[in-house]
Amino acid sequence: FPSHDRSAITATGPSTAIASGSSATVAIAFPASRFTVAPIVTLSTTGAMITPVVNAVSSGTVTVAMVNNGAASQGANTITVYGVAVQMTSGTAAG
């Protein structure tokens, strides 16, 4: 099995409401010194009409756009983002 470092992601946000057809961003910090390069990030949310999109990722932070695909506004701080960030160790994962 390849060697890797990983981190679970859980965050609530954004701090403002998201109007229908709009988006808002949430920055989520990884634990200090967890990653040496930007990890691979996968996400989901508790919002049925909210799609999480990775806007930017570095070794310390992932910025997530929460896109409201629904017909109604989504209230502030009502969405939980869940995910996993994984960094494969160099030279251990073929393909």
N, C-alpha and C. Protein backbone atom coordinates (compact mmCIF):
# COMPACT_ATOMS: atom_id res chain seq x y z
N PHE A 1 0.83 -1.18 0.00
CA PHE A 1 0.00 0.00 0.00
C PHE A 1 0.88 1.25 0.00
N PRO A 2 0.48 2.26 -0.74
CA PRO A 2 1.27 3.49 -0.76
C PRO A 2 1.23 4.19 0.59
N SER A 3 2.28 4.92 0.85
CA SER A 3 2.33 5.73 2.06
C SER A 3 1.68 7.08 1.76
N HIS A 4 0.95 7.61 2.73
CA HIS A 4 0.30 8.90 2.51
C HIS A 4 0.01 9.57 3.85
N ASP A 5 -0.24 10.86 3.76
CA ASP A 5 -0.68 11.63 4.92
C ASP A 5 -2.07 12.13 4.58
N ARG A 6 -2.94 12.19 5.58
CA ARG A 6 -4.32 12.60 5.30
C ARG A 6 -4.88 13.43 6.45
N SER A 7 -5.97 14.11 6.15
CA SER A 7 -6.64 14.92 7.15
C SER A 7 -8.13 14.95 6.84
N ALA A 8 -8.95 14.73 7.86
CA ALA A 8 -10.40 14.89 7.70
C ALA A 8 -10.73 16.37 7.72
N ILE A 9 -11.76 16.74 6.96
CA ILE A 9 -12.18 18.14 6.86
C ILE A 9 -13.61 18.25 7.37
N THR A 10 -13.84 19.16 8.29
CA THR A 10 -15.18 19.50 8.74
C THR A 10 -15.20 20.99 9.03
N ALA A 11 -16.12 21.71 8.41
CA ALA A 11 -16.22 23.15 8.63
C ALA A 11 -17.66 23.58 8.41
N THR A 12 -18.06 24.66 9.06
CA THR A 12 -19.40 25.22 8.88
C THR A 12 -19.27 26.61 8.29
N GLY A 13 -20.19 26.94 7.40
CA GLY A 13 -20.14 28.27 6.80
C GLY A 13 -21.10 28.35 5.64
N PRO A 14 -20.96 29.31 4.81
CA PRO A 14 -20.15 30.52 4.98
C PRO A 14 -20.79 31.48 5.98
N SER A 15 -20.11 32.56 6.26
CA SER A 15 -20.59 33.52 7.27
C SER A 15 -21.72 34.41 6.74
N THR A 16 -22.01 34.33 5.45
CA THR A 16 -23.10 35.10 4.85
C THR A 16 -24.06 34.15 4.13
N ALA A 17 -25.29 34.58 3.92
CA ALA A 17 -26.26 33.77 3.18
C ALA A 17 -25.82 33.66 1.72
N ILE A 18 -26.25 32.57 1.07
CA ILE A 18 -25.94 32.37 -0.35
C ILE A 18 -27.25 32.45 -1.12
N ALA A 19 -27.39 33.46 -1.94
CA ALA A 19 -28.60 33.62 -2.75
C ALA A 19 -28.65 32.54 -3.82
N SER A 20 -29.85 32.24 -4.28
CA SER A 20 -30.03 31.28 -5.36
C SER A 20 -29.18 31.66 -6.56
N GLY A 21 -28.43 30.71 -7.11
CA GLY A 21 -27.58 30.96 -8.27
C GLY A 21 -26.27 31.64 -7.95
N SER A 22 -25.99 31.86 -6.68
CA SER A 22 -24.75 32.54 -6.27
C SER A 22 -23.84 31.57 -5.52
N SER A 23 -22.70 32.09 -5.08
CA SER A 23 -21.77 31.28 -4.30
C SER A 23 -21.08 32.13 -3.25
N ALA A 24 -20.48 31.47 -2.29
CA ALA A 24 -19.69 32.12 -1.25
C ALA A 24 -18.54 31.17 -0.93
N THR A 25 -17.45 31.71 -0.42
CA THR A 25 -16.28 30.87 -0.15
C THR A 25 -16.04 30.67 1.34
N VAL A 26 -15.42 29.54 1.64
CA VAL A 26 -15.02 29.19 2.99
C VAL A 26 -13.57 28.71 2.92
N ALA A 27 -12.71 29.30 3.74
CA ALA A 27 -11.30 28.85 3.81
C ALA A 27 -11.17 27.90 5.00
N ILE A 28 -10.59 26.74 4.74
CA ILE A 28 -10.43 25.71 5.77
C ILE A 28 -8.94 25.42 5.92
N ALA A 29 -8.44 25.60 7.15
CA ALA A 29 -7.02 25.36 7.42
C ALA A 29 -6.79 23.90 7.78
N PHE A 30 -5.71 23.33 7.26
CA PHE A 30 -5.30 21.98 7.64
C PHE A 30 -4.49 22.07 8.93
N PRO A 31 -4.37 20.95 9.65
CA PRO A 31 -3.50 20.97 10.84
C PRO A 31 -2.07 21.40 10.46
N ALA A 32 -1.43 22.12 11.35
CA ALA A 32 -0.08 22.65 11.09
C ALA A 32 0.88 21.54 10.69
N SER A 33 1.63 21.79 9.64
CA SER A 33 2.69 20.90 9.14
C SER A 33 2.18 19.53 8.69
N ARG A 34 0.89 19.39 8.42
CA ARG A 34 0.36 18.10 7.97
C ARG A 34 0.84 17.75 6.57
N PHE A 35 0.83 18.73 5.67
CA PHE A 35 1.19 18.48 4.28
C PHE A 35 2.41 19.30 3.87
N THR A 36 3.22 18.71 2.97
CA THR A 36 4.39 19.42 2.45
C THR A 36 4.11 20.01 1.07
N VAL A 37 3.08 19.51 0.39
CA VAL A 37 2.60 20.04 -0.88
C VAL A 37 1.08 20.07 -0.83
N ALA A 38 0.46 20.68 -1.81
CA ALA A 38 -1.00 20.73 -1.86
C ALA A 38 -1.56 19.32 -1.98
N PRO A 39 -2.47 18.92 -1.08
CA PRO A 39 -3.04 17.57 -1.15
C PRO A 39 -4.18 17.49 -2.16
N ILE A 40 -4.63 16.27 -2.41
CA ILE A 40 -5.83 16.03 -3.20
C ILE A 40 -7.01 16.15 -2.23
N VAL A 41 -8.02 16.94 -2.60
CA VAL A 41 -9.14 17.22 -1.69
C VAL A 41 -10.45 16.75 -2.33
N THR A 42 -11.25 16.02 -1.57
CA THR A 42 -12.60 15.66 -1.99
C THR A 42 -13.58 16.19 -0.95
N LEU A 43 -14.76 16.66 -1.40
CA LEU A 43 -15.68 17.35 -0.50
C LEU A 43 -17.13 16.94 -0.73
N SER A 44 -17.94 17.12 0.30
CA SER A 44 -19.39 17.03 0.20
C SER A 44 -19.96 18.03 1.20
N THR A 45 -21.27 18.28 1.12
CA THR A 45 -21.91 19.21 2.06
C THR A 45 -23.23 18.64 2.56
N THR A 46 -23.74 19.26 3.62
CA THR A 46 -25.06 18.89 4.14
C THR A 46 -26.17 19.61 3.39
N GLY A 47 -25.83 20.55 2.54
CA GLY A 47 -26.84 21.30 1.79
C GLY A 47 -27.26 20.55 0.54
N ALA A 48 -28.55 20.21 0.44
CA ALA A 48 -29.05 19.43 -0.70
C ALA A 48 -28.83 20.15 -2.03
N MET A 49 -28.87 21.46 -2.03
CA MET A 49 -28.70 22.22 -3.26
C MET A 49 -27.35 22.95 -3.33
N ILE A 50 -26.45 22.62 -2.42
CA ILE A 50 -25.15 23.28 -2.38
C ILE A 50 -24.08 22.35 -2.95
N THR A 51 -23.33 22.85 -3.94
CA THR A 51 -22.24 22.09 -4.53
C THR A 51 -20.92 22.68 -4.06
N PRO A 52 -20.06 21.87 -3.41
CA PRO A 52 -18.76 22.39 -2.99
C PRO A 52 -17.77 22.30 -4.16
N VAL A 53 -17.01 23.36 -4.38
CA VAL A 53 -16.02 23.41 -5.45
C VAL A 53 -14.70 23.88 -4.86
N VAL A 54 -13.63 23.13 -5.10
CA VAL A 54 -12.31 23.56 -4.63
C VAL A 54 -11.84 24.72 -5.49
N ASN A 55 -11.71 25.90 -4.89
CA ASN A 55 -11.21 27.07 -5.61
C ASN A 55 -9.70 27.13 -5.62
N ALA A 56 -9.10 26.81 -4.48
CA ALA A 56 -7.64 26.85 -4.35
C ALA A 56 -7.24 25.91 -3.23
N VAL A 57 -6.07 25.31 -3.39
CA VAL A 57 -5.57 24.43 -2.34
C VAL A 57 -4.06 24.59 -2.24
N SER A 58 -3.56 24.67 -1.01
CA SER A 58 -2.12 24.75 -0.75
C SER A 58 -1.81 23.74 0.35
N SER A 59 -0.58 23.69 0.78
CA SER A 59 -0.22 22.75 1.84
C SER A 59 -0.86 23.11 3.18
N GLY A 60 -1.37 24.35 3.31
CA GLY A 60 -1.94 24.78 4.58
C GLY A 60 -3.43 25.05 4.59
N THR A 61 -4.03 25.27 3.41
CA THR A 61 -5.43 25.70 3.36
C THR A 61 -6.11 25.22 2.09
N VAL A 62 -7.41 24.96 2.19
CA VAL A 62 -8.24 24.76 1.01
C VAL A 62 -9.34 25.82 1.05
N THR A 63 -9.57 26.47 -0.08
CA THR A 63 -10.66 27.44 -0.20
C THR A 63 -11.75 26.80 -1.03
N VAL A 64 -12.95 26.74 -0.44
CA VAL A 64 -14.08 26.06 -1.05
C VAL A 64 -15.16 27.06 -1.42
N ALA A 65 -15.60 27.02 -2.69
CA ALA A 65 -16.76 27.81 -3.10
C ALA A 65 -17.99 26.94 -2.87
N MET A 66 -18.98 27.51 -2.20
CA MET A 66 -20.25 26.82 -1.97
C MET A 66 -21.24 27.41 -2.96
N VAL A 67 -21.60 26.65 -3.97
CA VAL A 67 -22.47 27.12 -5.04
C VAL A 67 -23.91 26.69 -4.76
N ASN A 68 -24.82 27.67 -4.73
CA ASN A 68 -26.24 27.39 -4.46
C ASN A 68 -26.95 27.13 -5.78
N ASN A 69 -27.29 25.86 -6.02
CA ASN A 69 -28.00 25.46 -7.24
C ASN A 69 -29.51 25.43 -7.05
N GLY A 70 -29.98 25.83 -5.87
CA GLY A 70 -31.41 25.77 -5.56
C GLY A 70 -32.15 27.03 -5.93
N ALA A 71 -33.44 27.02 -5.66
CA ALA A 71 -34.31 28.14 -5.98
C ALA A 71 -34.44 29.13 -4.83
N ALA A 72 -33.91 28.77 -3.65
CA ALA A 72 -34.05 29.64 -2.48
C ALA A 72 -32.68 29.95 -1.88
N SER A 73 -32.63 31.04 -1.14
CA SER A 73 -31.40 31.43 -0.45
C SER A 73 -31.07 30.42 0.65
N GLN A 74 -29.79 30.21 0.88
CA GLN A 74 -29.32 29.34 1.96
C GLN A 74 -28.78 30.22 3.07
N GLY A 75 -29.23 30.04 4.29
CA GLY A 75 -28.84 30.88 5.41
C GLY A 75 -27.36 30.80 5.77
N ALA A 76 -26.88 31.84 6.43
CA ALA A 76 -25.47 31.89 6.86
C ALA A 76 -25.20 30.82 7.92
N ASN A 77 -24.00 30.26 7.85
CA ASN A 77 -23.52 29.26 8.82
C ASN A 77 -24.47 28.09 9.02
N THR A 78 -25.13 27.67 7.95
CA THR A 78 -26.05 26.53 8.05
C THR A 78 -25.58 25.31 7.28
N ILE A 79 -24.44 25.41 6.60
CA ILE A 79 -23.95 24.32 5.76
C ILE A 79 -22.68 23.75 6.39
N THR A 80 -22.61 22.44 6.48
CA THR A 80 -21.39 21.80 6.94
C THR A 80 -20.69 21.17 5.74
N VAL A 81 -19.39 21.43 5.62
CA VAL A 81 -18.57 20.84 4.58
C VAL A 81 -17.79 19.69 5.21
N TYR A 82 -17.85 18.53 4.56
CA TYR A 82 -17.08 17.37 4.99
C TYR A 82 -16.14 16.98 3.86
N GLY A 83 -15.01 16.43 4.21
CA GLY A 83 -14.11 15.98 3.16
C GLY A 83 -12.87 15.32 3.70
N VAL A 84 -12.00 14.98 2.76
CA VAL A 84 -10.73 14.35 3.07
C VAL A 84 -9.66 14.98 2.19
N ALA A 85 -8.51 15.24 2.78
CA ALA A 85 -7.35 15.72 2.03
C ALA A 85 -6.26 14.66 2.16
N VAL A 86 -5.65 14.28 1.03
CA VAL A 86 -4.64 13.21 1.03
C VAL A 86 -3.43 13.66 0.22
N GLN A 87 -2.25 13.43 0.79
CA GLN A 87 -0.99 13.68 0.10
C GLN A 87 -0.27 12.35 0.00
N MET A 88 -0.04 11.90 -1.23
CA MET A 88 0.71 10.66 -1.42
C MET A 88 2.20 10.96 -1.28
N THR A 89 2.91 10.06 -0.63
CA THR A 89 4.35 10.23 -0.47
C THR A 89 5.04 9.98 -1.81
N SER A 90 5.93 10.85 -2.18
CA SER A 90 6.63 10.77 -3.46
C SER A 90 7.28 9.42 -3.67
N GLY A 91 7.05 8.86 -4.87
CA GLY A 91 7.72 7.63 -5.25
C GLY A 91 7.08 6.36 -4.74
N THR A 92 5.95 6.44 -4.01
CA THR A 92 5.36 5.23 -3.45
C THR A 92 4.06 4.82 -4.14
N ALA A 93 3.49 5.70 -4.95
CA ALA A 93 2.21 5.38 -5.59
C ALA A 93 2.41 5.31 -7.10
N ALA A 94 2.37 4.10 -7.60
CA ALA A 94 2.56 3.90 -9.05
C ALA A 94 1.36 4.41 -9.83
N GLY A 95 1.64 4.87 -11.05
CA GLY A 95 0.57 5.22 -11.97
C GLY A 95 0.01 6.56 -11.76
